[in-house]
Amino acid sequence: LRPIKLYKGVPCPLKDKNPEDINFYVVRENTE
């Protein structure tokens, strides 16, 4: 489980998005 979040003051490639707008997780399998 990898949480995705934006940090205040860090440039974001998503236009007009704030840290409060982004709230999701990436679920991936760790097969190395």
N, C-alpha and C. Protein backbone atom coordinates (compact mmCIF):
# COMPACT_ATOMS: atom_id res chain seq x y z
N LEU A 1 0.86 -1.17 0.00
CA LEU A 1 0.00 0.00 0.00
C LEU A 1 0.90 1.23 0.00
N ARG A 2 0.71 2.08 -0.99
CA ARG A 2 1.54 3.28 -1.10
C ARG A 2 0.63 4.52 -1.10
N PRO A 3 0.66 5.29 -0.01
CA PRO A 3 -0.19 6.48 0.03
C PRO A 3 0.34 7.56 -0.91
N ILE A 4 -0.58 8.26 -1.54
CA ILE A 4 -0.25 9.35 -2.45
C ILE A 4 -0.73 10.64 -1.81
N LYS A 5 0.16 11.61 -1.68
CA LYS A 5 -0.26 12.89 -1.12
C LYS A 5 0.59 14.01 -1.69
N LEU A 6 0.02 15.20 -1.67
CA LEU A 6 0.72 16.40 -2.09
C LEU A 6 1.22 17.12 -0.85
N TYR A 7 2.34 17.81 -1.00
CA TYR A 7 2.90 18.58 0.10
C TYR A 7 2.77 20.07 -0.21
N LYS A 8 2.43 20.84 0.81
CA LYS A 8 2.31 22.29 0.62
C LYS A 8 3.67 22.87 0.28
N GLY A 9 3.68 23.78 -0.70
CA GLY A 9 4.92 24.43 -1.09
C GLY A 9 5.74 23.69 -2.12
N VAL A 10 5.35 22.47 -2.46
CA VAL A 10 6.06 21.68 -3.46
C VAL A 10 5.29 21.77 -4.77
N PRO A 11 5.95 22.13 -5.88
CA PRO A 11 5.24 22.24 -7.16
C PRO A 11 4.57 20.92 -7.56
N CYS A 12 3.38 21.03 -8.13
CA CYS A 12 2.61 19.86 -8.53
C CYS A 12 2.26 19.97 -10.01
N PRO A 13 2.37 18.87 -10.77
CA PRO A 13 2.01 18.92 -12.19
C PRO A 13 0.49 18.96 -12.43
N LEU A 14 -0.30 18.74 -11.39
CA LEU A 14 -1.75 18.78 -11.53
C LEU A 14 -2.24 20.21 -11.32
N LYS A 15 -2.90 20.76 -12.31
CA LYS A 15 -3.32 22.16 -12.25
C LYS A 15 -4.45 22.37 -11.23
N ASP A 16 -4.29 23.41 -10.43
CA ASP A 16 -5.31 23.85 -9.46
C ASP A 16 -5.69 22.77 -8.45
N LYS A 17 -4.74 21.96 -8.02
CA LYS A 17 -5.01 20.95 -7.00
C LYS A 17 -4.24 21.29 -5.73
N ASN A 18 -4.89 21.12 -4.60
CA ASN A 18 -4.30 21.35 -3.29
C ASN A 18 -4.10 20.02 -2.59
N PRO A 19 -3.30 19.99 -1.52
CA PRO A 19 -3.12 18.74 -0.78
C PRO A 19 -4.44 18.14 -0.29
N GLU A 20 -5.44 18.97 -0.02
CA GLU A 20 -6.73 18.46 0.44
C GLU A 20 -7.51 17.77 -0.68
N ASP A 21 -7.16 18.04 -1.94
CA ASP A 21 -7.89 17.48 -3.08
C ASP A 21 -7.44 16.06 -3.45
N ILE A 22 -6.25 15.68 -3.05
CA ILE A 22 -5.68 14.39 -3.45
C ILE A 22 -5.68 13.46 -2.24
N ASN A 23 -6.34 12.31 -2.37
CA ASN A 23 -6.42 11.34 -1.28
C ASN A 23 -6.65 9.96 -1.87
N PHE A 24 -5.58 9.25 -2.22
CA PHE A 24 -5.76 7.90 -2.72
C PHE A 24 -4.52 7.06 -2.43
N TYR A 25 -4.65 5.76 -2.60
CA TYR A 25 -3.58 4.81 -2.34
C TYR A 25 -3.35 3.96 -3.58
N VAL A 26 -2.11 3.57 -3.78
CA VAL A 26 -1.77 2.65 -4.86
C VAL A 26 -1.47 1.30 -4.22
N VAL A 27 -2.17 0.29 -4.69
CA VAL A 27 -1.95 -1.07 -4.19
C VAL A 27 -1.16 -1.81 -5.25
N ARG A 28 0.02 -2.29 -4.86
CA ARG A 28 0.82 -3.03 -5.83
C ARG A 28 1.49 -4.20 -5.15
N GLU A 29 1.79 -5.18 -5.95
CA GLU A 29 2.41 -6.40 -5.46
C GLU A 29 3.92 -6.22 -5.51
N ASN A 30 4.60 -6.66 -4.49
CA ASN A 30 6.05 -6.55 -4.43
C ASN A 30 6.67 -7.88 -4.85
N THR A 31 6.91 -8.03 -6.14
CA THR A 31 7.51 -9.26 -6.65
C THR A 31 8.83 -8.92 -7.31
N GLU A 32 9.89 -9.10 -6.58
CA GLU A 32 11.22 -8.81 -7.12
C GLU A 32 12.03 -10.07 -7.23
